[in-house]
Amino acid sequence: MPGKPTESGTAELVVEQVAVVEVWRGRLWSAVPQVVVEKSANRWVTYAPAGALGVFASSRGVAGREGLSRAERKLAAMETLVYKAVEAPTDLATLTFRTRGAWSSINLGWSGPDRSSPGGT
């Protein structure tokens, strides 16, 4: 992310914050605040620190799903649209790479000693 020159010749960091919102079949699936790390005509790279408060689809507590794994509950929620949007902190720091026109993204998540960066700094 380029800095903005100041009168003293130093660079002022320009930070762009966005809310990344995912919608599934017309319903909110997730919404997470993120910082834009890189932006070009064809690619966006964003960062969300561990602990960022977001909204996520959840089907915990839905009757008939008690014995299902997280992956099975998620698939059932996508198929049936029976879920609720809940606030929760993110577990990992995440760097996400998105390409214009693509239906998917690449997520790199990590947990360092202080849960914010690979080296803990």
Protein backbone atom coordinates (compact mmCIF):
# COMPACT_ATOMS: atom_id res chain seq x y z
CA MET A 1 0.00 0.00 0.00
CA PRO A 2 1.72 3.22 -1.06
CA GLY A 3 2.34 6.02 1.37
CA LYS A 4 1.19 9.57 0.79
CA PRO A 5 4.11 12.07 0.75
CA THR A 6 4.01 14.85 3.32
CA GLU A 7 5.71 18.27 3.34
CA SER A 8 8.57 16.90 5.46
CA GLY A 9 9.31 14.22 2.87
CA THR A 10 8.15 11.35 5.03
CA ALA A 11 5.34 9.03 3.97
CA GLU A 12 1.95 9.07 5.63
CA LEU A 13 0.35 5.63 5.69
CA VAL A 14 -3.04 5.59 3.99
CA VAL A 15 -5.25 2.81 5.35
CA GLU A 16 -8.42 1.72 3.59
CA GLN A 17 -10.87 -0.30 5.65
CA VAL A 18 -13.68 -2.31 4.09
CA ALA A 19 -16.39 -4.68 5.21
CA VAL A 20 -16.22 -7.88 3.19
CA VAL A 21 -19.79 -9.15 2.90
CA GLU A 22 -20.69 -12.60 1.57
CA VAL A 23 -24.26 -13.37 0.50
CA TRP A 24 -25.61 -16.86 -0.14
CA ARG A 25 -28.87 -17.17 -2.08
CA GLY A 26 -29.88 -13.64 -1.17
CA ARG A 27 -29.10 -13.96 2.57
CA LEU A 28 -26.20 -12.67 4.62
CA TRP A 29 -23.59 -15.42 5.08
CA SER A 30 -20.77 -13.38 6.61
CA ALA A 31 -19.48 -9.85 7.09
CA VAL A 32 -15.97 -9.13 8.40
CA PRO A 33 -14.10 -5.81 8.67
CA GLN A 34 -10.77 -5.95 6.84
CA VAL A 35 -7.90 -3.67 5.80
CA VAL A 36 -6.98 -3.41 2.11
CA VAL A 37 -3.32 -4.42 1.73
CA GLU A 38 -3.13 -4.31 -2.07
CA LYS A 39 -5.61 -3.26 -4.72
CA SER A 40 -5.27 -3.38 -8.50
CA ALA A 41 -7.65 -3.64 -11.43
CA ASN A 42 -7.76 -7.45 -11.15
CA ARG A 43 -6.80 -8.30 -7.57
CA TRP A 44 -7.61 -7.31 -3.98
CA VAL A 45 -5.62 -8.47 -0.98
CA THR A 46 -7.15 -7.84 2.45
CA TYR A 47 -6.12 -8.51 6.06
CA ALA A 48 -8.27 -9.27 9.10
CA PRO A 49 -6.54 -9.58 12.48
CA ALA A 50 -7.33 -12.42 14.86
CA GLY A 51 -10.19 -11.40 17.10
CA ALA A 52 -11.86 -9.11 14.54
CA LEU A 53 -15.59 -9.07 15.31
CA GLY A 54 -17.64 -10.29 12.37
CA VAL A 55 -21.05 -11.75 11.58
CA PHE A 56 -21.21 -15.37 10.45
CA ALA A 57 -23.83 -17.94 9.43
CA SER A 58 -24.42 -20.47 12.21
CA SER A 59 -26.69 -23.48 12.48
CA ARG A 60 -25.59 -24.49 15.98
CA GLY A 61 -28.61 -25.44 18.01
CA VAL A 62 -30.78 -26.20 14.96
CA ALA A 63 -32.89 -29.29 15.67
CA GLY A 64 -31.56 -32.42 13.99
CA ARG A 65 -28.00 -31.11 13.63
CA GLU A 66 -26.73 -31.90 17.13
CA GLY A 67 -24.46 -34.78 16.07
CA LEU A 68 -23.11 -33.14 12.91
CA SER A 69 -19.57 -31.86 12.45
CA ARG A 70 -18.98 -28.16 11.71
CA ALA A 71 -18.51 -28.98 8.00
CA GLU A 72 -21.75 -30.99 7.92
CA ARG A 73 -23.68 -28.20 9.69
CA LYS A 74 -22.29 -25.66 7.21
CA LEU A 75 -23.34 -27.79 4.22
CA ALA A 76 -26.81 -28.32 5.72
CA ALA A 77 -27.15 -24.55 6.27
CA MET A 78 -26.18 -23.87 2.64
CA GLU A 79 -28.63 -26.47 1.32
CA THR A 80 -31.61 -25.60 3.51
CA LEU A 81 -30.98 -21.90 4.31
CA VAL A 82 -31.82 -22.71 7.93
CA TYR A 83 -29.28 -20.70 9.92
CA LYS A 84 -28.93 -17.48 11.84
CA ALA A 85 -26.37 -14.68 11.58
CA VAL A 86 -24.33 -14.41 14.80
CA GLU A 87 -21.56 -12.05 15.93
CA ALA A 88 -18.28 -13.78 16.73
CA PRO A 89 -14.56 -12.94 16.74
CA THR A 90 -12.35 -14.43 14.04
CA ASP A 91 -10.08 -17.23 15.25
CA LEU A 92 -7.07 -16.53 13.03
CA ALA A 93 -5.33 -13.56 11.46
CA THR A 94 -6.20 -13.87 7.76
CA LEU A 95 -4.77 -12.59 4.51
CA THR A 96 -7.28 -13.02 1.65
CA PHE A 97 -6.52 -12.88 -2.08
CA ARG A 98 -9.42 -12.13 -4.43
CA THR A 99 -9.41 -11.96 -8.22
CA ARG A 100 -12.00 -9.90 -10.11
CA GLY A 101 -14.72 -12.11 -11.55
CA ALA A 102 -13.75 -15.21 -9.54
CA TRP A 103 -16.33 -16.91 -7.34
CA SER A 104 -13.74 -17.99 -4.80
CA SER A 105 -10.78 -16.56 -2.88
CA ILE A 106 -7.56 -17.83 -1.33
CA ASN A 107 -7.33 -17.44 2.45
CA LEU A 108 -4.07 -17.66 4.38
CA GLY A 109 -4.71 -17.85 8.12
CA TRP A 110 -2.24 -18.07 10.98
CA SER A 111 -1.84 -17.81 14.71
CA GLY A 112 1.45 -16.52 16.12
CA PRO A 113 2.40 -16.29 19.79
CA ASP A 114 0.21 -13.19 20.18
CA ARG A 115 -2.34 -14.44 17.57
CA SER A 116 -1.78 -11.41 15.34
CA SER A 117 1.17 -12.31 13.13
CA PRO A 118 3.33 -15.30 12.17
CA GLY A 119 6.28 -14.09 14.24
CA GLY A 120 4.26 -12.56 17.04
CA THR A 121 5.20 -8.97 16.24
